[in-house]
């Protein structure tokens, strides 16, 4: 006699371990297509048949991560770890979800545990580095990015985030080299061009900084961060007129955020009291700010996690 099992969505179907594998396969295919809600529906059916299936729980946990449902993701990863305490993918996924919830210290602990069982996963080293940047532990973040690059040297995001760690340690020349590698791997990476301009400003190489911001603008429009970067470069050279003109370009999309940034940024100290700058820095009497466009930050990687 064949058992009829009712799934979590109320549909009845014939059940066996083989059926669970089929639902897992269908859910995995939907996951790869980015159809995460549909994938979860298939995984739910598999778990209605085999509620302790580690592979299904892992896949569903990562699908929950993609949907930013991090509490449910952590629940799935914890279930996996109750069955298999040494499961590196579950520990990694748990760390991702914890980091997305701002629990960076717990995330690092999860990544460290994951690396105990698989220290050749470049994604885990990468995500560990990003969590450590959030904790302002830049030396250890740099070590993590270096480890990730030993395993996977052609990941442009790792080179980029490595440059953030280096710059935070005031190693600006090394940060510039890391950015150059980023742009060798991905010449269209507009935020790397922006960050390169910022680093060149710190090194006093203003013509090269302007060129970097110009490259960023070529690869992304609108690009208020690049126009703001150009404004800082001119301000650092004492050119109030060009600083004001470029700041106005940055302020077109989000006037309030860039006006506030310019008021607080010491790059503008030498020109802030100039009349041309004061006109730009005066708040508008009636204005609605557009969406704030902020500099790109390092992020915890959630995609391309599952093993093939």
C-alpha atoms as a PDB file:
ATOM      1  CA  UNK A   1       0.000   0.000   0.000  1.00  0.00           C
ATOM      2  CA  UNK A   2       1.348   3.434  -0.974  1.00  0.00           C
ATOM      3  CA  UNK A   3       1.076   6.189   1.641  1.00  0.00           C
ATOM      4  CA  UNK A   4      -0.521   9.446   0.602  1.00  0.00           C
ATOM      5  CA  UNK A   5       1.205  12.381   2.278  1.00  0.00           C
ATOM      6  CA  UNK A   6      -0.141  15.898   2.499  1.00  0.00           C
ATOM      7  CA  UNK A   7       2.449  18.614   1.879  1.00  0.00           C
ATOM      8  CA  UNK A   8       2.698  21.936   3.662  1.00  0.00           C
ATOM      9  CA  UNK A   9       0.759  23.628   0.860  1.00  0.00           C
ATOM     10  CA  UNK A  10      -2.175  21.238   1.323  1.00  0.00           C
ATOM     11  CA  UNK A  11      -1.643  19.139  -1.814  1.00  0.00           C
ATOM     12  CA  UNK A  12      -1.676  15.364  -1.540  1.00  0.00           C
ATOM     13  CA  UNK A  13       0.777  13.151  -3.387  1.00  0.00           C
ATOM     14  CA  UNK A  14       2.362   9.734  -3.223  1.00  0.00           C
ATOM     15  CA  UNK A  15       5.352   9.683  -0.928  1.00  0.00           C
ATOM     16  CA  UNK A  16       8.738   7.970  -0.915  1.00  0.00           C
ATOM     17  CA  UNK A  17      12.385   8.911  -0.456  1.00  0.00           C
ATOM     18  CA  UNK A  18      12.692   8.967  -4.234  1.00  0.00           C
ATOM     19  CA  UNK A  19       9.883  11.538  -4.425  1.00  0.00           C
ATOM     20  CA  UNK A  20      11.764  13.794  -2.011  1.00  0.00           C
ATOM     21  CA  UNK A  21      14.799  13.619  -4.286  1.00  0.00           C
ATOM     22  CA  UNK A  22      12.649  14.598  -7.255  1.00  0.00           C
ATOM     23  CA  UNK A  23      11.208  17.621  -5.424  1.00  0.00           C
ATOM     24  CA  UNK A  24      14.758  18.595  -4.422  1.00  0.00           C
ATOM     25  CA  UNK A  25      15.845  18.460  -8.059  1.00  0.00           C
ATOM     26  CA  UNK A  26      12.943  20.608  -9.190  1.00  0.00           C
ATOM     27  CA  UNK A  27      13.556  23.096  -6.386  1.00  0.00           C
ATOM     28  CA  UNK A  28      17.254  23.272  -7.206  1.00  0.00           C
ATOM     29  CA  UNK A  29      16.454  24.052 -10.834  1.00  0.00           C
ATOM     30  CA  UNK A  30      14.162  26.898  -9.761  1.00  0.00           C
ATOM     31  CA  UNK A  31      16.832  28.167  -7.353  1.00  0.00           C
ATOM     32  CA  UNK A  32      19.375  28.357 -10.177  1.00  0.00           C
ATOM     33  CA  UNK A  33      16.845  30.401 -12.190  1.00  0.00           C
ATOM     34  CA  UNK A  34      16.468  32.845  -9.293  1.00  0.00           C
ATOM     35  CA  UNK A  35      12.884  31.738  -8.632  1.00  0.00           C
ATOM     36  CA  UNK A  36      13.428  31.366  -4.911  1.00  0.00           C
ATOM     37  CA  UNK A  37       9.818  31.362  -3.729  1.00  0.00           C
ATOM     38  CA  UNK A  38       8.965  28.617  -6.206  1.00  0.00           C
ATOM     39  CA  UNK A  39      12.048  26.701  -5.105  1.00  0.00           C
ATOM     40  CA  UNK A  40      10.958  26.897  -1.467  1.00  0.00           C
ATOM     41  CA  UNK A  41       7.561  25.493  -2.432  1.00  0.00           C
ATOM     42  CA  UNK A  42       9.292  22.449  -3.962  1.00  0.00           C
ATOM     43  CA  UNK A  43      11.594  22.082  -0.960  1.00  0.00           C
ATOM     44  CA  UNK A  44       8.557  22.185   1.338  1.00  0.00           C
ATOM     45  CA  UNK A  45       7.097  19.240  -0.549  1.00  0.00           C
ATOM     46  CA  UNK A  46      10.334  17.315  -0.195  1.00  0.00           C
ATOM     47  CA  UNK A  47      10.460  18.034   3.539  1.00  0.00           C
ATOM     48  CA  UNK A  48       6.850  16.911   3.954  1.00  0.00           C
ATOM     49  CA  UNK A  49       8.150  13.516   2.865  1.00  0.00           C
ATOM     50  CA  UNK A  50      11.561  13.555   4.537  1.00  0.00           C
ATOM     51  CA  UNK A  51      11.726  16.258   7.173  1.00  0.00           C
ATOM     52  CA  UNK A  52      15.358  15.567   8.094  1.00  0.00           C
ATOM     53  CA  UNK A  53      16.796  15.644   4.584  1.00  0.00           C
ATOM     54  CA  UNK A  54      19.984  17.668   5.018  1.00  0.00           C
ATOM     55  CA  UNK A  55      20.345  18.625   1.364  1.00  0.00           C
ATOM     56  CA  UNK A  56      16.795  19.933   1.153  1.00  0.00           C
ATOM     57  CA  UNK A  57      17.169  21.900   4.373  1.00  0.00           C
ATOM     58  CA  UNK A  58      20.425  23.415   3.120  1.00  0.00           C
ATOM     59  CA  UNK A  59      18.904  24.443  -0.187  1.00  0.00           C
ATOM     60  CA  UNK A  60      15.837  25.903   1.488  1.00  0.00           C
ATOM     61  CA  UNK A  61      18.011  27.797   3.958  1.00  0.00           C
ATOM     62  CA  UNK A  62      19.966  29.442   1.140  1.00  0.00           C
ATOM     63  CA  UNK A  63      16.730  30.210  -0.722  1.00  0.00           C
ATOM     64  CA  UNK A  64      15.442  31.946   2.404  1.00  0.00           C
ATOM     65  CA  UNK A  65      18.684  33.957   2.443  1.00  0.00           C
ATOM     66  CA  UNK A  66      18.083  35.103  -1.113  1.00  0.00           C
ATOM     67  CA  UNK A  67      14.589  36.256  -0.093  1.00  0.00           C
ATOM     68  CA  UNK A  68      16.094  38.058   2.932  1.00  0.00           C
ATOM     69  CA  UNK A  69      14.122  35.835   5.289  1.00  0.00           C
ATOM     70  CA  UNK A  70      17.134  35.343   7.510  1.00  0.00           C
ATOM     71  CA  UNK A  71      15.329  34.081  10.609  1.00  0.00           C
ATOM     72  CA  UNK A  72      13.843  31.144   8.699  1.00  0.00           C
ATOM     73  CA  UNK A  73      17.219  30.563   7.021  1.00  0.00           C
ATOM     74  CA  UNK A  74      18.944  30.311  10.408  1.00  0.00           C
ATOM     75  CA  UNK A  75      16.246  27.900  11.587  1.00  0.00           C
ATOM     76  CA  UNK A  76      16.956  25.581   8.633  1.00  0.00           C
ATOM     77  CA  UNK A  77      20.719  25.759   9.132  1.00  0.00           C
ATOM     78  CA  UNK A  78      20.328  25.000  12.846  1.00  0.00           C
ATOM     79  CA  UNK A  79      18.221  21.962  11.980  1.00  0.00           C
ATOM     80  CA  UNK A  80      20.978  20.745   9.659  1.00  0.00           C
ATOM     81  CA  UNK A  81      23.573  21.271  12.384  1.00  0.00           C
ATOM     82  CA  UNK A  82      21.470  19.303  14.870  1.00  0.00           C
ATOM     83  CA  UNK A  83      21.768  16.378  12.432  1.00  0.00           C
ATOM     84  CA  UNK A  84      25.313  17.030  11.179  1.00  0.00           C
ATOM     85  CA  UNK A  85      27.257  19.379  13.517  1.00  0.00           C
ATOM     86  CA  UNK A  86      30.243  19.448  11.140  1.00  0.00           C
ATOM     87  CA  UNK A  87      28.340  20.568   8.051  1.00  0.00           C
ATOM     88  CA  UNK A  88      30.463  23.382   6.609  1.00  0.00           C
ATOM     89  CA  UNK A  89      27.748  24.644   4.244  1.00  0.00           C
ATOM     90  CA  UNK A  90      25.235  24.972   7.073  1.00  0.00           C
ATOM     91  CA  UNK A  91      27.749  26.845   9.220  1.00  0.00           C
ATOM     92  CA  UNK A  92      28.583  29.106   6.298  1.00  0.00           C
ATOM     93  CA  UNK A  93      24.908  29.754   5.581  1.00  0.00           C
ATOM     94  CA  UNK A  94      24.256  30.479   9.233  1.00  0.00           C
ATOM     95  CA  UNK A  95      27.092  33.006   9.172  1.00  0.00           C
ATOM     96  CA  UNK A  96      25.669  34.686   6.078  1.00  0.00           C
ATOM     97  CA  UNK A  97      22.248  35.064   7.691  1.00  0.00           C
ATOM     98  CA  UNK A  98      23.743  36.316  10.962  1.00  0.00           C
ATOM     99  CA  UNK A  99      25.812  38.913   9.114  1.00  0.00           C
ATOM    100  CA  UNK A 100      22.776  40.090   7.165  1.00  0.00           C
ATOM    101  CA  UNK A 101      21.025  40.617  10.501  1.00  0.00           C
ATOM    102  CA  UNK A 102      23.984  42.696  11.696  1.00  0.00           C
ATOM    103  CA  UNK A 103      25.206  39.968  14.066  1.00  0.00           C
ATOM    104  CA  UNK A 104      28.773  40.211  12.800  1.00  0.00           C
ATOM    105  CA  UNK A 105      30.533  38.704  15.807  1.00  0.00           C
ATOM    106  CA  UNK A 106      28.300  35.635  15.683  1.00  0.00           C
ATOM    107  CA  UNK A 107      28.808  35.484  11.917  1.00  0.00           C
ATOM    108  CA  UNK A 108      32.586  35.353  12.310  1.00  0.00           C
ATOM    109  CA  UNK A 109      32.213  32.507  14.808  1.00  0.00           C
ATOM    110  CA  UNK A 110      30.057  30.600  12.303  1.00  0.00           C
ATOM    111  CA  UNK A 111      32.527  31.238   9.466  1.00  0.00           C
ATOM    112  CA  UNK A 112      35.411  30.108  11.682  1.00  0.00           C
ATOM    113  CA  UNK A 113      33.579  26.879  12.494  1.00  0.00           C
ATOM    114  CA  UNK A 114      32.823  26.329   8.813  1.00  0.00           C
ATOM    115  CA  UNK A 115      36.480  26.762   7.942  1.00  0.00           C
ATOM    116  CA  UNK A 116      37.430  24.101  10.483  1.00  0.00           C
ATOM    117  CA  UNK A 117      35.716  21.573   8.209  1.00  0.00           C
ATOM    118  CA  UNK A 118      36.474  23.167   4.834  1.00  0.00           C
ATOM    119  CA  UNK A 119      39.281  25.704   4.801  1.00  0.00           C
ATOM    120  CA  UNK A 120      39.465  25.739   1.001  1.00  0.00           C
ATOM    121  CA  UNK A 121      36.174  27.549   0.445  1.00  0.00           C
ATOM    122  CA  UNK A 122      37.051  30.983  -0.912  1.00  0.00           C
ATOM    123  CA  UNK A 123      33.489  32.263  -0.368  1.00  0.00           C
ATOM    124  CA  UNK A 124      33.692  31.584   3.362  1.00  0.00           C
ATOM    125  CA  UNK A 125      37.014  33.433   3.639  1.00  0.00           C
ATOM    126  CA  UNK A 126      35.521  36.285   1.591  1.00  0.00           C
ATOM    127  CA  UNK A 127      32.408  36.568   3.736  1.00  0.00           C
ATOM    128  CA  UNK A 128      34.487  36.307   6.895  1.00  0.00           C
ATOM    129  CA  UNK A 129      36.586  39.238   5.671  1.00  0.00           C
ATOM    130  CA  UNK A 130      33.495  41.348   5.019  1.00  0.00           C
ATOM    131  CA  UNK A 131      32.090  40.638   8.478  1.00  0.00           C
ATOM    132  CA  UNK A 132      35.441  41.588  10.013  1.00  0.00           C
ATOM    133  CA  UNK A 133      35.423  44.888   8.094  1.00  0.00           C
ATOM    134  CA  UNK A 134      32.074  45.644   9.719  1.00  0.00           C
ATOM    135  CA  UNK A 135      33.730  44.930  13.080  1.00  0.00           C
ATOM    136  CA  UNK A 136      36.635  47.245  12.074  1.00  0.00           C
ATOM    137  CA  UNK A 137      39.108  44.382  12.476  1.00  0.00           C
ATOM    138  CA  UNK A 138      40.952  45.307   9.315  1.00  0.00           C
ATOM    139  CA  UNK A 139      44.124  43.271   9.834  1.00  0.00           C
ATOM    140  CA  UNK A 140      42.169  40.045  10.245  1.00  0.00           C
ATOM    141  CA  UNK A 141      39.880  41.019   7.363  1.00  0.00           C
ATOM    142  CA  UNK A 142      42.956  41.452   5.167  1.00  0.00           C
ATOM    143  CA  UNK A 143      44.163  37.990   6.164  1.00  0.00           C
ATOM    144  CA  UNK A 144      40.785  36.543   5.174  1.00  0.00           C
ATOM    145  CA  UNK A 145      40.821  38.225   1.762  1.00  0.00           C
ATOM    146  CA  UNK A 146      44.381  37.036   1.177  1.00  0.00           C
ATOM    147  CA  UNK A 147      43.287  33.476   1.989  1.00  0.00           C
ATOM    148  CA  UNK A 148      40.334  33.788  -0.400  1.00  0.00           C
ATOM    149  CA  UNK A 149      42.638  34.978  -3.179  1.00  0.00           C
ATOM    150  CA  UNK A 150      45.049  32.099  -2.630  1.00  0.00           C
ATOM    151  CA  UNK A 151      42.154  29.810  -3.528  1.00  0.00           C
ATOM    152  CA  UNK A 152      40.379  31.928  -6.148  1.00  0.00           C
ATOM    153  CA  UNK A 153      42.704  34.684  -7.416  1.00  0.00           C
ATOM    154  CA  UNK A 154      40.388  35.981 -10.171  1.00  0.00           C
ATOM    155  CA  UNK A 155      37.519  37.253  -7.996  1.00  0.00           C
ATOM    156  CA  UNK A 156      37.400  40.995  -8.567  1.00  0.00           C
ATOM    157  CA  UNK A 157      35.149  41.661  -5.565  1.00  0.00           C
ATOM    158  CA  UNK A 158      37.723  40.094  -3.259  1.00  0.00           C
ATOM    159  CA  UNK A 159      40.458  42.356  -4.629  1.00  0.00           C
ATOM    160  CA  UNK A 160      38.137  45.334  -4.177  1.00  0.00           C
ATOM    161  CA  UNK A 161      37.243  44.533  -0.576  1.00  0.00           C
ATOM    162  CA  UNK A 162      40.899  43.799   0.108  1.00  0.00           C
ATOM    163  CA  UNK A 163      41.613  47.389  -0.955  1.00  0.00           C
ATOM    164  CA  UNK A 164      39.099  48.621   1.638  1.00  0.00           C
ATOM    165  CA  UNK A 165      40.918  46.718   4.381  1.00  0.00           C
ATOM    166  CA  UNK A 166      44.294  48.035   3.201  1.00  0.00           C
ATOM    167  CA  UNK A 167      43.098  51.640   3.013  1.00  0.00           C
ATOM    168  CA  UNK A 168      41.592  51.325   6.488  1.00  0.00           C
ATOM    169  CA  UNK A 169      45.072  50.348   7.672  1.00  0.00           C
ATOM    170  CA  UNK A 170      46.460  53.481   5.917  1.00  0.00           C
ATOM    171  CA  UNK A 171      48.291  51.286   3.395  1.00  0.00           C
ATOM    172  CA  UNK A 172      47.193  53.434   0.475  1.00  0.00           C
ATOM    173  CA  UNK A 173      49.776  52.350  -2.089  1.00  0.00           C
ATOM    174  CA  UNK A 174      48.920  48.701  -1.459  1.00  0.00           C
ATOM    175  CA  UNK A 175      45.219  49.547  -1.648  1.00  0.00           C
ATOM    176  CA  UNK A 176      45.821  51.193  -5.021  1.00  0.00           C
ATOM    177  CA  UNK A 177      47.579  48.068  -6.302  1.00  0.00           C
ATOM    178  CA  UNK A 178      44.638  45.951  -5.160  1.00  0.00           C
ATOM    179  CA  UNK A 179      42.224  48.271  -6.979  1.00  0.00           C
ATOM    180  CA  UNK A 180      44.322  48.095 -10.126  1.00  0.00           C
ATOM    181  CA  UNK A 181      43.992  44.304  -9.990  1.00  0.00           C
ATOM    182  CA  UNK A 182      40.225  44.696  -9.481  1.00  0.00           C
ATOM    183  CA  UNK A 183      39.997  46.802 -12.620  1.00  0.00           C
ATOM    184  CA  UNK A 184      42.189  44.468 -14.623  1.00  0.00           C
ATOM    185  CA  UNK A 185      39.656  41.744 -13.885  1.00  0.00           C
ATOM    186  CA  UNK A 186      36.585  43.980 -14.367  1.00  0.00           C
ATOM    187  CA  UNK A 187      37.332  47.263 -16.162  1.00  0.00           C
ATOM    188  CA  UNK A 188      33.669  48.352 -15.957  1.00  0.00           C
ATOM    189  CA  UNK A 189      33.524  48.229 -12.145  1.00  0.00           C
ATOM    190  CA  UNK A 190      32.423  51.823 -11.578  1.00  0.00           C
ATOM    191  CA  UNK A 191      32.663  51.759  -7.789  1.00  0.00           C
ATOM    192  CA  UNK A 192      36.256  50.486  -7.979  1.00  0.00           C
ATOM    193  CA  UNK A 193      37.101  53.456 -10.221  1.00  0.00           C
ATOM    194  CA  UNK A 194      35.485  55.735  -7.626  1.00  0.00           C
ATOM    195  CA  UNK A 195      37.413  54.192  -4.772  1.00  0.00           C
ATOM    196  CA  UNK A 196      40.613  54.380  -6.805  1.00  0.00           C
ATOM    197  CA  UNK A 197      40.002  58.121  -7.185  1.00  0.00           C
ATOM    198  CA  UNK A 198      39.545  58.462  -3.426  1.00  0.00           C
ATOM    199  CA  UNK A 199      42.822  56.634  -2.764  1.00  0.00           C
ATOM    200  CA  UNK A 200      44.660  58.744  -5.348  1.00  0.00           C
ATOM    201  CA  UNK A 201      43.364  61.854  -3.599  1.00  0.00           C
ATOM    202  CA  UNK A 202      44.865  60.567  -0.379  1.00  0.00           C
ATOM    203  CA  UNK A 203      48.171  60.118  -2.210  1.00  0.00           C
ATOM    204  CA  UNK A 204      47.995  63.643  -3.668  1.00  0.00           C
ATOM    205  CA  UNK A 205      47.831  62.343  -7.247  1.00  0.00           C
ATOM    206  CA  UNK A 206      44.982  64.593  -8.314  1.00  0.00           C
ATOM    207  CA  UNK A 207      45.169  64.335 -12.111  1.00  0.00           C
ATOM    208  CA  UNK A 208      45.011  60.550 -11.876  1.00  0.00           C
ATOM    209  CA  UNK A 209      42.145  60.820  -9.388  1.00  0.00           C
ATOM    210  CA  UNK A 210      40.134  62.936 -11.824  1.00  0.00           C
ATOM    211  CA  UNK A 211      40.790  60.398 -14.550  1.00  0.00           C
ATOM    212  CA  UNK A 212      39.526  57.593 -12.280  1.00  0.00           C
ATOM    213  CA  UNK A 213      36.299  59.451 -11.515  1.00  0.00           C
ATOM    214  CA  UNK A 214      35.858  60.130 -15.225  1.00  0.00           C
ATOM    215  CA  UNK A 215      36.258  56.416 -15.950  1.00  0.00           C
ATOM    216  CA  UNK A 216      33.596  55.666 -13.349  1.00  0.00           C
ATOM    217  CA  UNK A 217      31.195  58.114 -15.010  1.00  0.00           C
ATOM    218  CA  UNK A 218      31.774  56.422 -18.368  1.00  0.00           C
ATOM    219  CA  UNK A 219      30.706  53.089 -16.892  1.00  0.00           C
ATOM    220  CA  UNK A 220      27.698  54.258 -14.881  1.00  0.00           C
ATOM    221  CA  UNK A 221      25.141  57.038 -15.303  1.00  0.00           C
ATOM    222  CA  UNK A 222      23.811  58.586 -13.144  1.00  0.00           C
ATOM    223  CA  UNK A 223      26.852  58.451 -10.904  1.00  0.00           C
ATOM    224  CA  UNK A 224      26.665  61.087  -8.159  1.00  0.00           C
ATOM    225  CA  UNK A 225      29.457  59.482  -6.140  1.00  0.00           C
ATOM    226  CA  UNK A 226      31.891  60.059  -9.000  1.00  0.00           C
ATOM    227  CA  UNK A 227      30.834  63.722  -9.346  1.00  0.00           C
ATOM    228  CA  UNK A 228      31.241  64.122  -5.595  1.00  0.00           C
ATOM    229  CA  UNK A 229      34.690  62.553  -5.852  1.00  0.00           C
ATOM    230  CA  UNK A 230      35.638  65.029  -8.565  1.00  0.00           C
ATOM    231  CA  UNK A 231      34.410  67.842  -6.310  1.00  0.00           C
ATOM    232  CA  UNK A 232      36.694  66.673  -3.500  1.00  0.00           C
ATOM    233  CA  UNK A 233      39.647  66.516  -5.880  1.00  0.00           C
ATOM    234  CA  UNK A 234      39.169  70.130  -6.982  1.00  0.00           C
ATOM    235  CA  UNK A 235      38.550  71.213  -3.386  1.00  0.00           C
ATOM    236  CA  UNK A 236      41.823  69.629  -2.281  1.00  0.00           C
ATOM    237  CA  UNK A 237      43.566  71.710  -4.949  1.00  0.00           C
ATOM    238  CA  UNK A 238      41.868  74.911  -3.778  1.00  0.00           C
ATOM    239  CA  UNK A 239      39.667  75.275  -6.870  1.00  0.00           C
ATOM    240  CA  UNK A 240      36.375  76.369  -5.285  1.00  0.00           C
ATOM    241  CA  UNK A 241      34.636  77.059  -8.605  1.00  0.00           C
ATOM    242  CA  UNK A 242      35.193  73.581 -10.039  1.00  0.00           C
ATOM    243  CA  UNK A 243      34.530  71.978  -6.661  1.00  0.00           C
ATOM    244  CA  UNK A 244      31.154  73.738  -6.502  1.00  0.00           C
ATOM    245  CA  UNK A 245      30.281  72.896 -10.101  1.00  0.00           C
ATOM    246  CA  UNK A 246      30.982  69.176  -9.611  1.00  0.00           C
ATOM    247  CA  UNK A 247      29.237  69.108  -6.246  1.00  0.00           C
ATOM    248  CA  UNK A 248      26.123  70.499  -7.924  1.00  0.00           C
ATOM    249  CA  UNK A 249      26.239  67.594 -10.390  1.00  0.00           C
ATOM    250  CA  UNK A 250      26.361  65.167  -7.468  1.00  0.00           C
ATOM    251  CA  UNK A 251      23.468  66.930  -5.757  1.00  0.00           C
ATOM    252  CA  UNK A 252      21.080  66.616  -8.692  1.00  0.00           C
ATOM    253  CA  UNK A 253      19.905  63.175  -7.564  1.00  0.00           C
ATOM    254  CA  UNK A 254      20.132  63.579  -3.799  1.00  0.00           C
ATOM    255  CA  UNK A 255      20.786  67.178  -2.761  1.00  0.00           C
ATOM    256  CA  UNK A 256      20.477  66.793   0.997  1.00  0.00           C
ATOM    257  CA  UNK A 257      22.869  63.865   1.432  1.00  0.00           C
ATOM    258  CA  UNK A 258      25.671  65.361  -0.679  1.00  0.00           C
ATOM    259  CA  UNK A 259      25.261  68.820   0.819  1.00  0.00           C
ATOM    260  CA  UNK A 260      25.618  67.277   4.285  1.00  0.00           C
ATOM    261  CA  UNK A 261      28.614  65.221   3.193  1.00  0.00           C
ATOM    262  CA  UNK A 262      30.374  68.304   1.822  1.00  0.00           C
ATOM    263  CA  UNK A 263      29.747  70.221   5.024  1.00  0.00           C
ATOM    264  CA  UNK A 264      31.423  67.484   7.087  1.00  0.00           C
ATOM    265  CA  UNK A 265      34.149  66.342   4.670  1.00  0.00           C
ATOM    266  CA  UNK A 266      37.543  67.840   5.552  1.00  0.00           C
ATOM    267  CA  UNK A 267      38.459  67.677   1.853  1.00  0.00           C
ATOM    268  CA  UNK A 268      36.429  70.904   1.495  1.00  0.00           C
ATOM    269  CA  UNK A 269      38.033  72.756   4.418  1.00  0.00           C
ATOM    270  CA  UNK A 270      40.170  74.924   2.144  1.00  0.00           C
ATOM    271  CA  UNK A 271      37.284  76.130  -0.028  1.00  0.00           C
ATOM    272  CA  UNK A 272      34.156  75.791   2.110  1.00  0.00           C
ATOM    273  CA  UNK A 273      34.004  79.506   2.982  1.00  0.00           C
ATOM    274  CA  UNK A 274      34.371  80.634  -0.631  1.00  0.00           C
ATOM    275  CA  UNK A 275      31.265  82.362  -1.970  1.00  0.00           C
ATOM    276  CA  UNK A 276      30.790  79.886  -4.818  1.00  0.00           C
ATOM    277  CA  UNK A 277      30.823  76.998  -2.347  1.00  0.00           C
ATOM    278  CA  UNK A 278      28.559  78.745   0.132  1.00  0.00           C
ATOM    279  CA  UNK A 279      25.913  79.193  -2.548  1.00  0.00           C
ATOM    280  CA  UNK A 280      25.938  75.451  -3.209  1.00  0.00           C
ATOM    281  CA  UNK A 281      26.017  74.494   0.463  1.00  0.00           C
ATOM    282  CA  UNK A 282      23.043  76.666   1.459  1.00  0.00           C
ATOM    283  CA  UNK A 283      19.987  74.447   2.059  1.00  0.00           C
ATOM    284  CA  UNK A 284      17.021  74.892  -0.222  1.00  0.00           C
ATOM    285  CA  UNK A 285      13.929  76.307   1.465  1.00  0.00           C
ATOM    286  CA  UNK A 286      11.650  73.724  -0.115  1.00  0.00           C
ATOM    287  CA  UNK A 287      13.097  70.565  -1.507  1.00  0.00           C
ATOM    288  CA  UNK A 288      12.433  66.893  -1.501  1.00  0.00           C
ATOM    289  CA  UNK A 289      15.512  64.771  -1.479  1.00  0.00           C
ATOM    290  CA  UNK A 290      15.797  61.969  -3.958  1.00  0.00           C
ATOM    291  CA  UNK A 291      17.011  58.542  -2.931  1.00  0.00           C
ATOM    292  CA  UNK A 292      20.364  58.645  -1.210  1.00  0.00           C
ATOM    293  CA  UNK A 293      23.107  57.131  -3.302  1.00  0.00           C
ATOM    294  CA  UNK A 294      25.870  55.954  -1.019  1.00  0.00           C
ATOM    295  CA  UNK A 295      29.352  54.711  -1.771  1.00  0.00           C
ATOM    296  CA  UNK A 296      29.504  51.004  -2.449  1.00  0.00           C
ATOM    297  CA  UNK A 297      30.221  48.941   0.641  1.00  0.00           C
ATOM    298  CA  UNK A 298      31.564  45.486   1.018  1.00  0.00           C
ATOM    299  CA  UNK A 299      28.756  42.945   1.337  1.00  0.00           C
ATOM    300  CA  UNK A 300      28.227  39.408   2.457  1.00  0.00           C
ATOM    301  CA  UNK A 301      27.973  37.182  -0.584  1.00  0.00           C
ATOM    302  CA  UNK A 302      24.820  35.085  -0.690  1.00  0.00           C
ATOM    303  CA  UNK A 303      24.724  33.863  -4.290  1.00  0.00           C
ATOM    304  CA  UNK A 304      26.614  30.961  -5.836  1.00  0.00           C
ATOM    305  CA  UNK A 305      26.924  29.254  -2.474  1.00  0.00           C
ATOM    306  CA  UNK A 306      25.550  25.781  -2.985  1.00  0.00           C
ATOM    307  CA  UNK A 307      27.921  23.050  -4.026  1.00  0.00           C
ATOM    308  CA  UNK A 308      27.204  21.517  -7.379  1.00  0.00           C
END
